[in-house]
Amino acid sequence: MERLGAILGIASELGELKPIDAIDFLSADPEALELYRLAGLERYAESDLRSVDLAIASARRTLELAGVEGSAVDYLLYLGESHERDEVVNADEVNELLRATGLTAAYPIGLALSQCANLVTGLRVASALVGSGAARHVMVVSVDKAPRRPGGRRMRPEMSVRSDSAVSCLVARPGTGAFDILGIVQENAPEQRELAEVARPGNLQMEMGKFRNIRTVAKRLLAELDLEPARIRRVITNNYNREIARTFVSLSGFPHALGFYANIPRLAHAVAGDLLINLNDLADSGGLTAGDLVFLLTDSISSTSAFCVEATA
């Protein structure tokens, strides 16, 4: 099958890991705290650094791990939804990142509208740039920080806890990294945004729409790649909570046992960064060998995205 590109040098920068009982809306509500713990949440990451400083640290590590000079990177894709919260990404900060990491020849592009699915949008754009011959390497950096206002770490409707994090990787031609991207499928359901305005826990109309979108995207990706579910070694989703992750794995057509859940208690929801952090940690733990296929799925309020990679080393 045709491969879209390679992922190499996955790195991340997390804030300090703290127990979730330090979060304002949970420390003031023992019953809610117990429910979050029962759903598998134990710690979250909090950082006093600026978003761009998290991004700089992660991008530097990516270049080091990949053994690629900054001058060989032709584009920077800067992903995040923090602009909807406390921090507004601006050209000065992005150019500061380019200087600090030696990416002085890279052209910066910002992506945000997919929210928790931003990372997959970044991989799609990056692989298209590489596949067209417009780029040798594309740096993809996803960074998000929770708002500092009261309740700013709450993932509504009572889904999870937001962590502060950056994750980065390079995308290059197939066969040059730890993972090859086999396929990407994305869908957006604009009606879900309207439903979310009034959503409450247990809102069946919103949840059924989300479940339908997940099933559709998962089936499309497997069909486009001509893969049976049995060919997939592991499944990775967002770190919302254990029960939601298990549901998403099942909706995608896989048994619960294939899911990777280890980072739910470790760091909670790193927004768009979940998928790559989880993929890297799974590989580092020895959970993958060359030729293994990994199915990765993420969703936001309206956007659902999935991609499949093959471990090459």
Protein backbone atom coordinates (compact mmCIF):
# COMPACT_ATOMS: atom_id res chain seq x y z
CA MET A 1 0.00 0.00 0.00
CA GLU A 2 1.11 3.56 -0.67
CA ARG A 3 2.58 5.29 2.37
CA LEU A 4 2.02 8.97 3.11
CA GLY A 5 5.17 9.73 5.06
CA ALA A 6 7.28 8.84 8.08
CA ILE A 7 7.11 10.07 11.66
CA LEU A 8 10.43 10.49 13.43
CA GLY A 9 11.79 12.11 16.57
CA ILE A 10 8.61 12.10 18.67
CA ALA A 11 9.23 14.22 21.76
CA SER A 12 7.13 15.94 24.40
CA GLU A 13 7.42 18.52 27.15
CA LEU A 14 5.02 18.24 30.07
CA GLY A 15 4.43 20.45 33.03
CA GLU A 16 4.85 19.21 36.59
CA LEU A 17 2.73 16.13 37.29
CA LYS A 18 0.33 16.79 40.17
CA PRO A 19 -2.53 14.86 41.80
CA ILE A 20 -5.95 15.81 40.48
CA ASP A 21 -7.12 16.75 43.99
CA ALA A 22 -5.02 19.91 43.55
CA ILE A 23 -7.42 21.17 40.83
CA ASP A 24 -9.87 23.79 42.04
CA PHE A 25 -13.17 22.31 40.87
CA LEU A 26 -12.24 18.84 42.19
CA SER A 27 -10.69 19.89 45.51
CA ALA A 28 -13.96 21.65 46.33
CA ASP A 29 -16.14 18.66 45.38
CA PRO A 30 -15.18 15.32 47.02
CA GLU A 31 -17.93 13.41 45.22
CA ALA A 32 -16.77 14.62 41.80
CA LEU A 33 -13.15 13.85 42.75
CA GLU A 34 -14.10 10.27 43.59
CA LEU A 35 -15.92 9.87 40.25
CA TYR A 36 -12.90 11.14 38.33
CA ARG A 37 -10.66 8.73 40.20
CA LEU A 38 -13.02 5.84 39.49
CA ALA A 39 -12.72 6.76 35.79
CA GLY A 40 -8.95 6.24 36.02
CA LEU A 41 -7.71 9.82 36.43
CA GLU A 42 -4.95 10.37 38.98
CA ARG A 43 -2.53 13.08 37.82
CA TYR A 44 -2.33 16.00 35.41
CA ALA A 45 0.48 18.23 34.11
CA GLU A 46 0.75 21.91 35.00
CA SER A 47 3.40 24.32 33.71
CA ASP A 48 4.24 27.96 34.40
CA LEU A 49 6.08 28.20 31.08
CA ARG A 50 4.65 30.01 28.09
CA SER A 51 3.19 27.79 25.40
CA VAL A 52 6.03 28.72 23.06
CA ASP A 53 8.64 27.73 25.67
CA LEU A 54 7.05 24.27 25.95
CA ALA A 55 7.12 24.08 22.15
CA ILE A 56 10.77 25.12 21.93
CA ALA A 57 11.88 22.46 24.43
CA SER A 58 9.94 19.74 22.62
CA ALA A 59 11.09 20.77 19.11
CA ARG A 60 14.75 20.84 20.18
CA ARG A 61 14.41 17.31 21.50
CA THR A 62 12.77 16.18 18.25
CA LEU A 63 15.71 17.45 16.20
CA GLU A 64 18.14 15.73 18.57
CA LEU A 65 16.30 12.41 18.47
CA ALA A 66 15.87 12.49 14.70
CA GLY A 67 19.47 13.54 14.03
CA VAL A 68 18.23 16.23 11.64
CA GLU A 69 19.71 19.72 11.33
CA GLY A 70 17.32 22.62 11.67
CA SER A 71 18.39 23.87 8.25
CA ALA A 72 16.90 20.72 6.67
CA VAL A 73 13.38 21.53 7.91
CA ASP A 74 11.31 23.38 5.32
CA TYR A 75 8.05 24.00 7.20
CA LEU A 76 6.88 24.40 10.79
CA LEU A 77 3.28 23.47 11.55
CA TYR A 78 2.29 25.09 14.86
CA LEU A 79 -0.84 23.49 16.30
CA GLY A 80 -2.87 24.53 19.30
CA GLU A 81 -6.18 25.73 20.63
CA SER A 82 -4.81 27.88 23.45
CA HIS A 83 -5.71 30.92 21.34
CA GLU A 84 -9.30 30.21 22.41
CA ARG A 85 -8.24 30.45 26.03
CA ASP A 86 -5.60 32.52 27.85
CA GLU A 87 -2.78 32.69 25.29
CA VAL A 88 -2.93 34.10 21.79
CA VAL A 89 -0.31 32.69 19.44
CA ASN A 90 1.39 35.45 17.51
CA ALA A 91 4.03 35.71 14.80
CA ASP A 92 6.64 37.08 17.22
CA GLU A 93 6.50 33.95 19.39
CA VAL A 94 6.49 31.54 16.45
CA ASN A 95 9.53 33.27 14.96
CA GLU A 96 11.17 33.11 18.39
CA LEU A 97 10.66 29.33 18.21
CA LEU A 98 12.22 29.20 14.74
CA ARG A 99 15.30 31.10 15.92
CA ALA A 100 15.67 29.12 19.15
CA THR A 101 15.54 25.78 17.34
CA GLY A 102 17.60 26.73 14.28
CA LEU A 103 14.62 26.32 11.93
CA THR A 104 15.49 29.57 10.22
CA ALA A 105 14.67 28.25 6.74
CA ALA A 106 11.29 26.83 7.78
CA TYR A 107 8.06 28.55 6.76
CA PRO A 108 5.56 28.72 9.66
CA ILE A 109 1.91 27.66 9.31
CA GLY A 110 -0.64 27.75 12.13
CA LEU A 111 -3.45 25.18 12.50
CA ALA A 112 -6.14 25.20 15.17
CA LEU A 113 -9.73 24.53 14.15
CA SER A 114 -9.69 20.74 14.72
CA GLN A 115 -9.08 21.27 18.46
CA CYS A 116 -8.32 17.89 20.09
CA ALA A 117 -7.88 16.47 16.58
CA ASN A 118 -5.35 19.17 15.59
CA LEU A 119 -2.47 16.70 15.59
CA VAL A 120 -4.00 14.57 12.83
CA THR A 121 -4.66 17.66 10.73
CA GLY A 122 -1.01 18.57 11.16
CA LEU A 123 0.14 15.12 10.05
CA ARG A 124 -2.14 15.31 7.01
CA VAL A 125 -0.76 18.69 5.92
CA ALA A 126 2.83 17.66 6.68
CA SER A 127 2.60 14.41 4.72
CA ALA A 128 1.03 16.27 1.79
CA LEU A 129 3.94 18.75 1.76
CA VAL A 130 6.45 15.90 1.82
CA GLY A 131 4.58 13.84 -0.76
CA SER A 132 4.33 16.75 -3.18
CA GLY A 133 8.07 17.33 -3.03
CA ALA A 134 7.62 20.76 -1.41
CA ALA A 135 9.44 19.71 1.78
CA ARG A 136 12.20 17.39 2.91
CA HIS A 137 11.17 17.57 6.57
CA VAL A 138 8.20 19.22 8.26
CA MET A 139 8.29 20.00 11.97
CA VAL A 140 4.90 19.43 13.61
CA VAL A 141 4.49 20.99 17.06
CA SER A 142 1.28 20.75 19.07
CA VAL A 143 1.07 22.81 22.25
CA ASP A 144 -1.81 23.54 24.62
CA LYS A 145 -2.22 25.06 28.06
CA ALA A 146 -5.40 25.08 30.11
CA PRO A 147 -6.94 28.43 31.06
CA ARG A 148 -5.95 29.75 34.46
CA ARG A 149 -9.50 30.87 35.27
CA PRO A 150 -11.47 28.86 37.86
CA GLY A 151 -12.54 25.55 36.37
CA GLY A 152 -10.24 26.04 33.39
CA ARG A 153 -8.95 22.47 33.50
CA ARG A 154 -12.43 20.94 33.33
CA MET A 155 -13.19 19.06 30.09
CA ARG A 156 -16.92 19.46 29.62
CA PRO A 157 -19.22 17.66 29.88
CA GLU A 158 -17.32 16.11 32.85
CA MET A 159 -15.02 14.09 30.63
CA SER A 160 -11.49 14.70 31.84
CA VAL A 161 -8.83 17.11 33.08
CA ARG A 162 -6.72 19.26 30.75
CA SER A 163 -2.93 19.07 31.05
CA ASP A 164 -0.29 21.55 29.88
CA SER A 165 1.93 19.97 27.25
CA ALA A 166 3.76 20.19 23.96
CA VAL A 167 4.48 17.31 21.60
CA SER A 168 6.48 17.37 18.40
CA CYS A 169 7.77 15.22 15.57
CA LEU A 170 9.23 15.46 12.10
CA VAL A 171 7.41 14.15 9.06
CA ALA A 172 9.61 13.02 6.16
CA ARG A 173 9.47 10.60 3.22
CA PRO A 174 8.31 7.03 4.00
CA GLY A 175 10.88 4.62 5.39
CA THR A 176 13.00 7.25 7.15
CA GLY A 177 11.51 7.15 10.66
CA ALA A 178 10.16 4.95 13.42
CA PHE A 179 6.65 4.89 11.95
CA ASP A 180 5.19 5.08 8.45
CA ILE A 181 1.81 6.77 8.04
CA LEU A 182 -0.41 4.41 6.03
CA GLY A 183 -3.60 6.45 5.85
CA ILE A 184 -5.61 9.30 7.38
CA VAL A 185 -9.38 9.85 7.47
CA GLN A 186 -11.11 12.94 8.88
CA GLU A 187 -14.73 14.03 9.13
CA ASN A 188 -16.43 17.08 10.63
CA ALA A 189 -20.03 17.25 11.86
CA PRO A 190 -20.96 20.94 12.26
CA GLU A 191 -24.27 20.14 13.93
CA GLN A 192 -22.35 18.76 16.92
CA ARG A 193 -21.18 22.27 17.78
CA GLU A 194 -24.75 23.44 18.25
CA LEU A 195 -25.59 20.42 20.39
CA ALA A 196 -22.52 21.08 22.53
CA GLU A 197 -23.84 24.50 23.52
CA VAL A 198 -26.44 22.87 25.75
CA ALA A 199 -24.74 19.53 26.40
CA ARG A 200 -24.89 17.94 29.83
CA PRO A 201 -23.53 14.58 31.00
CA GLY A 202 -25.71 11.88 29.47
CA ASN A 203 -26.90 14.05 26.56
CA LEU A 204 -27.83 11.17 24.25
CA GLN A 205 -28.33 13.25 21.10
CA MET A 206 -24.81 14.64 21.23
CA GLU A 207 -23.27 11.33 22.32
CA MET A 208 -25.00 9.30 19.61
CA GLY A 209 -23.81 11.75 16.98
CA LYS A 210 -20.26 11.42 18.28
CA PHE A 211 -20.48 7.63 18.38
CA ARG A 212 -21.78 7.54 14.80
CA ASN A 213 -18.91 9.72 13.61
CA ILE A 214 -16.32 7.51 15.31
CA ARG A 215 -17.76 4.36 13.73
CA THR A 216 -17.86 6.00 10.29
CA VAL A 217 -14.28 7.26 10.41
CA ALA A 218 -12.91 3.96 11.72
CA LYS A 219 -14.69 1.93 9.06
CA ARG A 220 -13.57 4.29 6.29
CA LEU A 221 -9.92 4.10 7.31
CA LEU A 222 -9.86 0.32 7.52
CA ALA A 223 -11.69 0.04 4.18
CA GLU A 224 -9.36 2.47 2.43
CA LEU A 225 -6.36 0.51 3.68
CA ASP A 226 -8.03 -2.84 2.94
CA LEU A 227 -7.36 -3.96 6.50
CA GLU A 228 -9.31 -6.27 8.77
CA PRO A 229 -9.46 -5.26 12.45
CA ALA A 230 -7.47 -8.38 13.33
CA ARG A 231 -4.42 -6.87 11.57
CA ILE A 232 -4.21 -4.05 14.12
CA ARG A 233 -1.78 -4.64 16.99
CA ARG A 234 -2.83 -1.75 19.29
CA VAL A 235 -5.38 1.08 19.41
CA ILE A 236 -4.69 4.56 20.79
CA THR A 237 -7.27 7.22 21.65
CA ASN A 238 -7.36 10.50 23.59
CA ASN A 239 -6.74 10.28 27.34
CA TYR A 240 -10.19 11.53 28.36
CA ASN A 241 -10.82 8.81 30.93
CA ARG A 242 -10.64 5.01 31.02
CA GLU A 243 -14.31 4.34 30.30
CA ILE A 244 -14.50 6.77 27.37
CA ALA A 245 -11.27 5.36 25.92
CA ARG A 246 -12.63 1.81 26.15
CA THR A 247 -15.86 2.93 24.48
CA PHE A 248 -13.97 4.59 21.61
CA VAL A 249 -11.87 1.44 21.09
CA SER A 250 -15.03 -0.65 20.93
CA LEU A 251 -16.84 1.78 18.62
CA SER A 252 -13.87 1.61 16.25
CA GLY A 253 -14.38 -2.14 15.94
CA PHE A 254 -11.69 -3.49 18.26
CA PRO A 255 -11.66 -5.44 21.53
CA HIS A 256 -11.00 -3.39 24.67
CA ALA A 257 -7.77 -5.29 25.30
CA LEU A 258 -6.09 -3.63 22.29
CA GLY A 259 -6.43 -0.16 23.80
CA PHE A 260 -3.49 1.72 25.33
CA TYR A 261 -4.67 3.23 28.64
CA ALA A 262 -1.46 3.68 30.64
CA ASN A 263 -1.28 7.45 30.27
CA ILE A 264 -4.80 8.17 31.49
CA PRO A 265 -3.73 8.01 35.17
CA ARG A 266 -0.26 9.39 34.41
CA LEU A 267 -1.11 12.69 32.73
CA ALA A 268 -4.84 12.90 31.87
CA HIS A 269 -5.78 14.79 28.69
CA ALA A 270 -2.90 16.48 26.86
CA VAL A 271 -5.43 17.81 24.30
CA ALA A 272 -4.10 17.24 20.76
CA GLY A 273 -0.84 15.81 22.09
CA ASP A 274 -2.36 12.60 23.50
CA LEU A 275 -1.93 10.42 20.42
CA LEU A 276 1.77 10.98 19.78
CA ILE A 277 2.69 10.90 23.48
CA ASN A 278 0.85 7.59 23.81
CA LEU A 279 2.37 6.15 20.62
CA ASN A 280 5.87 7.05 21.74
CA ASP A 281 5.37 5.68 25.26
CA LEU A 282 3.89 2.45 23.86
CA ALA A 283 6.95 2.00 21.63
CA ASP A 284 9.40 2.88 24.42
CA SER A 285 7.77 0.30 26.70
CA GLY A 286 8.59 -2.44 24.20
CA GLY A 287 4.98 -2.86 23.20
CA LEU A 288 5.66 -2.76 19.44
CA THR A 289 7.89 -4.57 16.98
CA ALA A 290 8.67 -3.87 13.33
CA GLY A 291 5.63 -4.47 11.15
CA ASP A 292 3.06 -3.88 13.89
CA LEU A 293 0.11 -1.69 12.87
CA VAL A 294 -1.33 0.89 15.26
CA PHE A 295 -4.75 2.50 14.83
CA LEU A 296 -5.04 5.99 16.34
CA LEU A 297 -8.32 7.84 16.79
CA THR A 298 -9.13 11.28 18.17
CA ASP A 299 -12.16 13.48 18.31
CA SER A 300 -13.21 16.98 19.29
CA ILE A 301 -16.69 18.43 19.62
CA SER A 302 -17.27 18.31 15.86
CA SER A 303 -14.15 16.77 14.29
CA THR A 304 -13.21 13.09 14.25
CA SER A 305 -9.92 11.85 12.84
CA ALA A 306 -8.11 8.53 12.59
CA PHE A 307 -4.82 7.39 11.15
CA CYS A 308 -2.87 4.18 10.95
CA VAL A 309 0.87 3.74 11.27
CA GLU A 310 3.26 0.85 10.85
CA ALA A 311 6.20 0.47 13.19
CA THR A 312 9.34 0.23 11.08
CA ALA A 313 11.93 -0.40 13.78
